[in-house]
N, C-alpha and C. Protein backbone atom coordinates (compact mmCIF):
# COMPACT_ATOMS: atom_id res chain seq x y z
N UNK A 1 3.32 16.90 -14.68
CA UNK A 1 4.50 16.25 -14.15
C UNK A 1 5.39 15.90 -15.34
N UNK A 2 6.65 16.21 -15.21
CA UNK A 2 7.60 15.92 -16.26
C UNK A 2 8.13 14.50 -16.17
N UNK A 3 9.07 14.23 -17.04
CA UNK A 3 9.66 12.90 -17.11
C UNK A 3 10.37 12.54 -15.80
N UNK A 4 11.14 13.48 -15.27
CA UNK A 4 11.87 13.17 -14.05
C UNK A 4 10.95 13.10 -12.84
N UNK A 5 9.82 13.80 -12.90
CA UNK A 5 8.84 13.69 -11.83
C UNK A 5 8.25 12.29 -11.77
N UNK A 6 8.02 11.69 -12.94
CA UNK A 6 7.50 10.32 -12.98
C UNK A 6 8.52 9.34 -12.42
N UNK A 7 9.77 9.56 -12.75
CA UNK A 7 10.83 8.69 -12.22
C UNK A 7 10.93 8.84 -10.71
N UNK A 8 10.84 10.07 -10.24
CA UNK A 8 10.94 10.33 -8.80
C UNK A 8 9.76 9.72 -8.05
N UNK A 9 8.56 9.85 -8.59
CA UNK A 9 7.37 9.28 -7.94
C UNK A 9 7.45 7.76 -7.90
N UNK A 10 7.88 7.16 -9.02
CA UNK A 10 8.01 5.70 -9.06
C UNK A 10 9.09 5.22 -8.10
N UNK A 11 10.19 5.96 -8.00
CA UNK A 11 11.27 5.57 -7.08
C UNK A 11 10.79 5.61 -5.62
N UNK A 12 9.98 6.62 -5.28
CA UNK A 12 9.47 6.68 -3.91
C UNK A 12 8.53 5.51 -3.63
N UNK A 13 7.74 5.13 -4.65
CA UNK A 13 6.85 3.98 -4.50
C UNK A 13 7.61 2.68 -4.34
N UNK A 14 8.70 2.54 -5.09
CA UNK A 14 9.54 1.34 -4.97
C UNK A 14 10.10 1.21 -3.56
N UNK A 15 10.61 2.30 -3.03
CA UNK A 15 11.19 2.29 -1.69
C UNK A 15 10.13 1.95 -0.63
N UNK A 16 8.96 2.56 -0.76
CA UNK A 16 7.89 2.33 0.21
C UNK A 16 7.38 0.89 0.16
N UNK A 17 7.18 0.36 -1.04
CA UNK A 17 6.67 -1.01 -1.16
C UNK A 17 7.71 -2.04 -0.71
N UNK A 18 8.99 -1.74 -0.92
CA UNK A 18 10.03 -2.65 -0.44
C UNK A 18 10.01 -2.72 1.08
N UNK A 19 9.88 -1.55 1.73
CA UNK A 19 9.79 -1.54 3.19
C UNK A 19 8.55 -2.29 3.65
N UNK A 20 7.44 -2.10 2.95
CA UNK A 20 6.21 -2.82 3.30
C UNK A 20 6.41 -4.33 3.21
N UNK A 21 7.08 -4.79 2.15
CA UNK A 21 7.35 -6.23 2.02
C UNK A 21 8.26 -6.73 3.14
N UNK A 22 9.23 -5.91 3.55
CA UNK A 22 10.11 -6.29 4.66
C UNK A 22 9.33 -6.44 5.96
N UNK A 23 8.41 -5.52 6.23
CA UNK A 23 7.61 -5.58 7.45
C UNK A 23 6.68 -6.79 7.42
N UNK A 24 6.08 -7.06 6.28
CA UNK A 24 5.20 -8.23 6.15
C UNK A 24 6.00 -9.52 6.37
N UNK A 25 7.20 -9.58 5.79
CA UNK A 25 8.06 -10.75 5.99
C UNK A 25 8.40 -10.94 7.46
N UNK A 26 8.65 -9.84 8.15
CA UNK A 26 8.94 -9.91 9.58
C UNK A 26 7.73 -10.42 10.35
N UNK A 27 6.53 -9.99 9.96
CA UNK A 27 5.31 -10.48 10.61
C UNK A 27 5.18 -11.99 10.43
N UNK A 28 5.39 -12.46 9.20
CA UNK A 28 5.26 -13.90 8.93
C UNK A 28 6.31 -14.69 9.71
N UNK A 29 7.52 -14.14 9.79
CA UNK A 29 8.59 -14.83 10.52
C UNK A 29 8.29 -14.95 12.01
N UNK A 30 7.49 -14.03 12.55
CA UNK A 30 7.19 -14.03 13.98
C UNK A 30 5.79 -14.54 14.31
N UNK A 31 5.21 -15.33 13.43
CA UNK A 31 3.85 -15.81 13.63
C UNK A 31 3.72 -16.68 14.88
N UNK A 32 4.79 -17.26 15.35
CA UNK A 32 4.75 -18.11 16.55
C UNK A 32 5.56 -17.56 17.71
N UNK A 33 5.95 -16.30 17.66
CA UNK A 33 6.76 -15.70 18.72
C UNK A 33 5.86 -15.29 19.89
N UNK A 34 6.06 -15.96 21.01
CA UNK A 34 5.22 -15.71 22.19
C UNK A 34 5.90 -14.83 23.23
N UNK A 35 7.17 -14.55 23.03
CA UNK A 35 7.91 -13.78 24.03
C UNK A 35 8.79 -12.75 23.31
N UNK A 36 8.60 -11.47 23.62
CA UNK A 36 9.39 -10.40 23.03
C UNK A 36 10.13 -9.63 24.13
N UNK A 37 11.01 -8.75 23.71
CA UNK A 37 11.77 -7.94 24.67
C UNK A 37 10.84 -6.99 25.44
N UNK A 38 9.76 -6.53 24.78
CA UNK A 38 8.80 -5.65 25.46
C UNK A 38 7.88 -6.42 26.39
N UNK A 39 7.87 -7.73 26.26
CA UNK A 39 6.99 -8.58 27.06
C UNK A 39 5.74 -8.95 26.29
N UNK A 40 5.29 -10.15 26.46
CA UNK A 40 4.10 -10.62 25.76
C UNK A 40 4.41 -11.12 24.36
N UNK A 41 3.35 -11.45 23.65
CA UNK A 41 3.48 -11.99 22.31
C UNK A 41 3.82 -10.88 21.32
N UNK A 42 4.40 -11.28 20.20
CA UNK A 42 4.71 -10.36 19.11
C UNK A 42 3.41 -9.74 18.60
N UNK A 43 3.45 -8.48 18.25
CA UNK A 43 2.28 -7.79 17.68
C UNK A 43 2.56 -7.46 16.21
N UNK A 44 1.54 -7.70 15.40
CA UNK A 44 1.63 -7.42 13.96
C UNK A 44 1.98 -5.95 13.74
N UNK A 45 2.85 -5.70 12.76
CA UNK A 45 3.24 -4.34 12.42
C UNK A 45 2.70 -3.98 11.04
N UNK A 46 2.39 -2.70 10.87
CA UNK A 46 1.86 -2.21 9.60
C UNK A 46 2.57 -0.91 9.23
N UNK A 47 2.82 -0.74 7.94
CA UNK A 47 3.47 0.46 7.42
C UNK A 47 2.39 1.49 7.11
N UNK A 48 2.64 2.74 7.48
CA UNK A 48 1.71 3.83 7.21
C UNK A 48 2.33 4.73 6.15
N UNK A 49 1.61 4.92 5.03
CA UNK A 49 2.06 5.77 3.93
C UNK A 49 1.34 7.11 3.97
N UNK A 50 1.97 8.12 3.36
CA UNK A 50 1.35 9.43 3.16
C UNK A 50 1.91 10.02 1.88
N UNK A 51 1.16 10.89 1.24
CA UNK A 51 1.70 11.53 0.03
C UNK A 51 2.83 12.48 0.38
N UNK A 52 3.80 12.56 -0.52
CA UNK A 52 4.90 13.50 -0.31
C UNK A 52 4.43 14.90 -0.69
N UNK A 53 4.79 15.86 0.12
CA UNK A 53 4.45 17.25 -0.16
C UNK A 53 5.62 18.13 0.20
N UNK A 54 5.86 19.10 -0.65
CA UNK A 54 6.87 20.13 -0.42
C UNK A 54 8.25 19.56 -0.10
N UNK A 55 8.61 18.48 -0.76
CA UNK A 55 9.94 17.93 -0.61
C UNK A 55 10.73 18.25 -1.88
N UNK A 56 12.01 18.44 -1.75
CA UNK A 56 12.84 18.69 -2.91
C UNK A 56 13.03 17.36 -3.64
N UNK A 57 12.65 17.34 -4.90
CA UNK A 57 12.78 16.14 -5.70
C UNK A 57 13.89 16.30 -6.71
N UNK A 58 14.28 15.21 -7.30
CA UNK A 58 15.29 15.24 -8.36
C UNK A 58 14.84 16.14 -9.49
N UNK A 59 13.57 16.09 -9.82
CA UNK A 59 13.02 16.93 -10.89
C UNK A 59 13.14 18.41 -10.56
N UNK A 60 12.92 18.78 -9.29
CA UNK A 60 13.01 20.18 -8.90
C UNK A 60 14.44 20.69 -8.97
N UNK A 61 15.40 19.80 -8.75
CA UNK A 61 16.79 20.22 -8.86
C UNK A 61 17.15 20.55 -10.30
N UNK A 62 16.53 19.84 -11.25
CA UNK A 62 16.81 20.08 -12.66
C UNK A 62 16.01 21.26 -13.21
N UNK A 63 14.80 21.44 -12.75
CA UNK A 63 13.95 22.49 -13.28
C UNK A 63 12.95 22.92 -12.21
N UNK A 64 12.91 24.18 -11.90
CA UNK A 64 12.04 24.66 -10.84
C UNK A 64 10.56 24.68 -11.23
N UNK A 65 10.24 24.54 -12.51
CA UNK A 65 8.84 24.65 -12.91
C UNK A 65 8.10 23.31 -12.95
N UNK A 66 8.71 22.22 -12.54
CA UNK A 66 8.02 20.94 -12.51
C UNK A 66 7.18 20.83 -11.25
N UNK A 67 6.11 20.06 -11.33
CA UNK A 67 5.21 19.88 -10.19
C UNK A 67 5.92 19.18 -9.05
N UNK A 68 5.66 19.62 -7.83
CA UNK A 68 6.21 18.96 -6.66
C UNK A 68 5.10 18.19 -5.96
N UNK A 69 5.45 17.44 -4.94
CA UNK A 69 4.45 16.72 -4.18
C UNK A 69 4.08 15.38 -4.76
N UNK A 70 4.87 14.87 -5.67
CA UNK A 70 4.55 13.58 -6.27
C UNK A 70 5.23 12.48 -5.47
N UNK A 71 4.59 11.35 -5.42
CA UNK A 71 5.18 10.20 -4.75
C UNK A 71 4.57 9.94 -3.39
N UNK A 72 5.22 9.04 -2.69
CA UNK A 72 4.72 8.59 -1.39
C UNK A 72 5.90 8.54 -0.42
N UNK A 73 5.58 8.67 0.84
CA UNK A 73 6.61 8.53 1.87
C UNK A 73 6.05 7.67 3.00
N UNK A 74 6.94 7.07 3.74
CA UNK A 74 6.55 6.25 4.88
C UNK A 74 6.50 7.15 6.10
N UNK A 75 5.34 7.24 6.72
CA UNK A 75 5.16 8.06 7.91
C UNK A 75 5.67 7.31 9.14
N UNK A 76 5.47 6.00 9.15
CA UNK A 76 5.93 5.21 10.28
C UNK A 76 5.46 3.77 10.18
N UNK A 77 5.88 3.02 11.16
CA UNK A 77 5.46 1.62 11.29
C UNK A 77 4.76 1.53 12.63
N UNK A 78 3.49 1.13 12.60
CA UNK A 78 2.75 1.06 13.85
C UNK A 78 2.34 -0.38 14.15
N UNK A 79 2.13 -0.63 15.42
CA UNK A 79 1.71 -1.97 15.86
C UNK A 79 0.20 -2.07 15.81
N UNK A 80 -0.28 -3.24 15.41
CA UNK A 80 -1.71 -3.52 15.35
C UNK A 80 -2.20 -3.76 16.77
N UNK A 81 -3.23 -3.05 17.17
CA UNK A 81 -3.76 -3.16 18.54
C UNK A 81 -4.86 -4.20 18.68
N UNK A 82 -5.11 -4.99 17.64
CA UNK A 82 -6.14 -6.02 17.75
C UNK A 82 -5.71 -7.06 18.79
N UNK A 83 -6.66 -7.76 19.38
CA UNK A 83 -6.31 -8.70 20.45
C UNK A 83 -5.49 -9.89 19.94
N UNK A 84 -4.67 -10.39 20.82
CA UNK A 84 -3.87 -11.57 20.50
C UNK A 84 -4.75 -12.82 20.62
N UNK A 85 -4.24 -13.91 20.07
CA UNK A 85 -4.99 -15.18 20.15
C UNK A 85 -4.59 -15.93 21.42
N UNK A 86 -5.52 -16.67 21.96
CA UNK A 86 -5.23 -17.54 23.12
C UNK A 86 -5.33 -18.98 22.64
N UNK A 87 -4.25 -19.73 22.85
CA UNK A 87 -4.19 -21.13 22.43
C UNK A 87 -3.96 -21.98 23.67
N UNK A 88 -4.74 -23.04 23.81
CA UNK A 88 -4.59 -23.93 24.95
C UNK A 88 -3.44 -24.90 24.69
N UNK A 89 -2.37 -24.75 25.47
CA UNK A 89 -1.19 -25.61 25.38
C UNK A 89 -0.48 -25.58 26.73
N UNK A 90 -0.95 -26.39 27.68
CA UNK A 90 -0.37 -26.33 29.03
C UNK A 90 1.10 -26.73 29.09
N UNK A 91 1.61 -27.44 28.07
CA UNK A 91 3.01 -27.84 28.07
C UNK A 91 3.94 -26.73 27.57
N UNK A 92 3.41 -25.68 27.01
CA UNK A 92 4.23 -24.58 26.47
C UNK A 92 4.87 -23.81 27.62
N UNK A 93 6.15 -23.42 27.49
CA UNK A 93 6.82 -22.70 28.58
C UNK A 93 6.19 -21.34 28.90
N UNK A 94 5.47 -20.73 27.97
CA UNK A 94 4.86 -19.43 28.21
C UNK A 94 3.38 -19.53 28.57
N UNK A 95 2.91 -20.73 28.88
CA UNK A 95 1.50 -20.91 29.23
C UNK A 95 1.21 -20.28 30.59
N UNK A 96 0.00 -19.69 30.72
CA UNK A 96 -0.38 -19.13 32.01
C UNK A 96 -0.89 -20.24 32.93
N UNK A 97 -1.38 -19.89 34.11
CA UNK A 97 -1.80 -20.91 35.08
C UNK A 97 -2.97 -21.75 34.59
N UNK A 98 -3.76 -21.21 33.62
CA UNK A 98 -4.89 -21.96 33.06
C UNK A 98 -4.49 -22.80 31.85
N UNK A 99 -3.22 -22.71 31.44
CA UNK A 99 -2.73 -23.50 30.31
C UNK A 99 -2.84 -22.81 28.96
N UNK A 100 -3.22 -21.53 28.94
CA UNK A 100 -3.35 -20.80 27.68
C UNK A 100 -2.09 -20.01 27.38
N UNK A 101 -1.73 -19.99 26.09
CA UNK A 101 -0.56 -19.25 25.62
C UNK A 101 -1.05 -18.08 24.78
N UNK A 102 -0.50 -16.91 25.05
CA UNK A 102 -0.81 -15.73 24.24
C UNK A 102 0.00 -15.80 22.96
N UNK A 103 -0.70 -15.89 21.81
CA UNK A 103 -0.05 -15.99 20.50
C UNK A 103 -0.20 -14.66 19.76
N UNK A 104 0.69 -14.37 18.81
CA UNK A 104 0.62 -13.11 18.06
C UNK A 104 -0.70 -12.94 17.32
N UNK A 105 -1.05 -11.69 17.07
CA UNK A 105 -2.29 -11.35 16.36
C UNK A 105 -2.05 -11.33 14.84
N UNK A 106 -1.38 -12.33 14.34
CA UNK A 106 -1.02 -12.42 12.93
C UNK A 106 -1.83 -13.52 12.26
N UNK A 107 -2.45 -13.17 11.14
CA UNK A 107 -3.16 -14.13 10.31
C UNK A 107 -2.30 -14.31 9.05
N UNK A 108 -1.77 -15.49 8.84
CA UNK A 108 -0.87 -15.74 7.73
C UNK A 108 -1.52 -15.47 6.37
N UNK A 109 -2.81 -15.77 6.24
CA UNK A 109 -3.50 -15.53 4.98
C UNK A 109 -3.56 -14.03 4.69
N UNK A 110 -3.88 -13.23 5.70
CA UNK A 110 -3.91 -11.78 5.53
C UNK A 110 -2.53 -11.25 5.15
N UNK A 111 -1.51 -11.77 5.78
CA UNK A 111 -0.15 -11.33 5.48
C UNK A 111 0.24 -11.70 4.05
N UNK A 112 -0.16 -12.86 3.59
CA UNK A 112 0.16 -13.27 2.22
C UNK A 112 -0.58 -12.40 1.20
N UNK A 113 -1.82 -12.05 1.49
CA UNK A 113 -2.57 -11.15 0.60
C UNK A 113 -1.90 -9.78 0.58
N UNK A 114 -1.49 -9.28 1.74
CA UNK A 114 -0.78 -8.01 1.80
C UNK A 114 0.54 -8.08 1.03
N UNK A 115 1.22 -9.22 1.12
CA UNK A 115 2.48 -9.39 0.38
C UNK A 115 2.24 -9.35 -1.13
N UNK A 116 1.15 -9.98 -1.57
CA UNK A 116 0.83 -9.96 -3.00
C UNK A 116 0.54 -8.54 -3.46
N UNK A 117 -0.25 -7.78 -2.68
CA UNK A 117 -0.56 -6.41 -3.08
C UNK A 117 0.68 -5.53 -3.07
N UNK A 118 1.58 -5.74 -2.11
CA UNK A 118 2.83 -4.97 -2.08
C UNK A 118 3.70 -5.32 -3.29
N UNK A 119 3.73 -6.59 -3.64
CA UNK A 119 4.51 -7.02 -4.81
C UNK A 119 3.95 -6.42 -6.08
N UNK A 120 2.62 -6.41 -6.21
CA UNK A 120 2.00 -5.82 -7.39
C UNK A 120 2.25 -4.32 -7.45
N UNK A 121 2.22 -3.65 -6.32
CA UNK A 121 2.54 -2.22 -6.28
C UNK A 121 3.98 -1.96 -6.70
N UNK A 122 4.87 -2.81 -6.24
CA UNK A 122 6.28 -2.70 -6.61
C UNK A 122 6.45 -2.89 -8.12
N UNK A 123 5.78 -3.93 -8.65
CA UNK A 123 5.86 -4.20 -10.09
C UNK A 123 5.30 -3.04 -10.91
N UNK A 124 4.22 -2.42 -10.44
CA UNK A 124 3.64 -1.28 -11.15
C UNK A 124 4.62 -0.11 -11.19
N UNK A 125 5.31 0.13 -10.10
CA UNK A 125 6.30 1.21 -10.07
C UNK A 125 7.50 0.90 -10.96
N UNK A 126 7.89 -0.35 -11.05
CA UNK A 126 8.96 -0.74 -11.98
C UNK A 126 8.52 -0.48 -13.42
N UNK A 127 7.27 -0.78 -13.73
CA UNK A 127 6.75 -0.53 -15.07
C UNK A 127 6.76 0.95 -15.40
N UNK A 128 6.36 1.79 -14.45
CA UNK A 128 6.41 3.25 -14.66
C UNK A 128 7.84 3.71 -14.88
N UNK A 129 8.75 3.21 -14.08
CA UNK A 129 10.16 3.58 -14.21
C UNK A 129 10.70 3.19 -15.58
N UNK A 130 10.40 1.99 -16.03
CA UNK A 130 10.86 1.54 -17.35
C UNK A 130 10.24 2.34 -18.48
N UNK A 131 8.95 2.70 -18.35
CA UNK A 131 8.29 3.50 -19.38
C UNK A 131 8.91 4.90 -19.46
N UNK A 132 9.19 5.50 -18.31
CA UNK A 132 9.82 6.83 -18.29
C UNK A 132 11.22 6.77 -18.89
N UNK A 133 11.94 5.72 -18.58
CA UNK A 133 13.29 5.55 -19.14
C UNK A 133 13.23 5.38 -20.65
N UNK A 134 12.28 4.60 -21.11
CA UNK A 134 12.11 4.38 -22.55
C UNK A 134 11.74 5.69 -23.26
N UNK A 135 10.86 6.49 -22.65
CA UNK A 135 10.49 7.77 -23.25
C UNK A 135 11.69 8.71 -23.32
N UNK A 136 12.52 8.70 -22.28
CA UNK A 136 13.71 9.55 -22.28
C UNK A 136 14.67 9.14 -23.39
N UNK A 137 14.84 7.86 -23.56
CA UNK A 137 15.73 7.38 -24.64
C UNK A 137 15.18 7.74 -26.02
N UNK A 138 13.86 7.63 -26.19
CA UNK A 138 13.26 7.99 -27.47
C UNK A 138 13.38 9.49 -27.72
N UNK A 139 13.24 10.29 -26.66
CA UNK A 139 13.40 11.74 -26.81
C UNK A 139 14.82 12.11 -27.22
N UNK A 140 15.80 11.38 -26.73
CA UNK A 140 17.19 11.64 -27.13
C UNK A 140 17.46 11.25 -28.58
N UNK A 141 16.68 10.31 -29.09
CA UNK A 141 16.86 9.88 -30.47
C UNK A 141 16.28 10.89 -31.46
N UNK A 142 15.43 11.80 -31.00
CA UNK A 142 14.82 12.79 -31.88
C UNK A 142 15.89 13.67 -32.54
N UNK A 143 16.90 13.99 -31.79
CA UNK A 143 17.96 14.87 -32.29
C UNK A 143 18.92 14.23 -33.28
N UNK A 144 18.84 12.93 -33.49
CA UNK A 144 19.76 12.24 -34.38
C UNK A 144 19.54 12.60 -35.82
């Protein structure tokens, strides 16, 4: 992989991790949402990643002999099918006849751990991007 391939792979990772952080933030914001447009409690969402393959990259535009298939892409955002929580609160407007409210299947601790790992992934990609940029600048200085 050449210099531009490293930049391209890191850029795809930055984009994917940013989307992951956005989805996690949305999950945390909806931890108490009991009513959605689809009906029922909010369901936790998760980002699904896959390796990029056979996509035209910035590196390929500059040179056809660089390796392709580097980086990551977002395949989709899927809902978690784990069961929702039942909380006894007969005064809640969404309580059923037995007084239980269907709450989202979100665990705040899990979401915070996922947020930390997404942040660390983002930081790692920034480090790769800065290292590739630094190498490019040093390579340009060779000709001086």
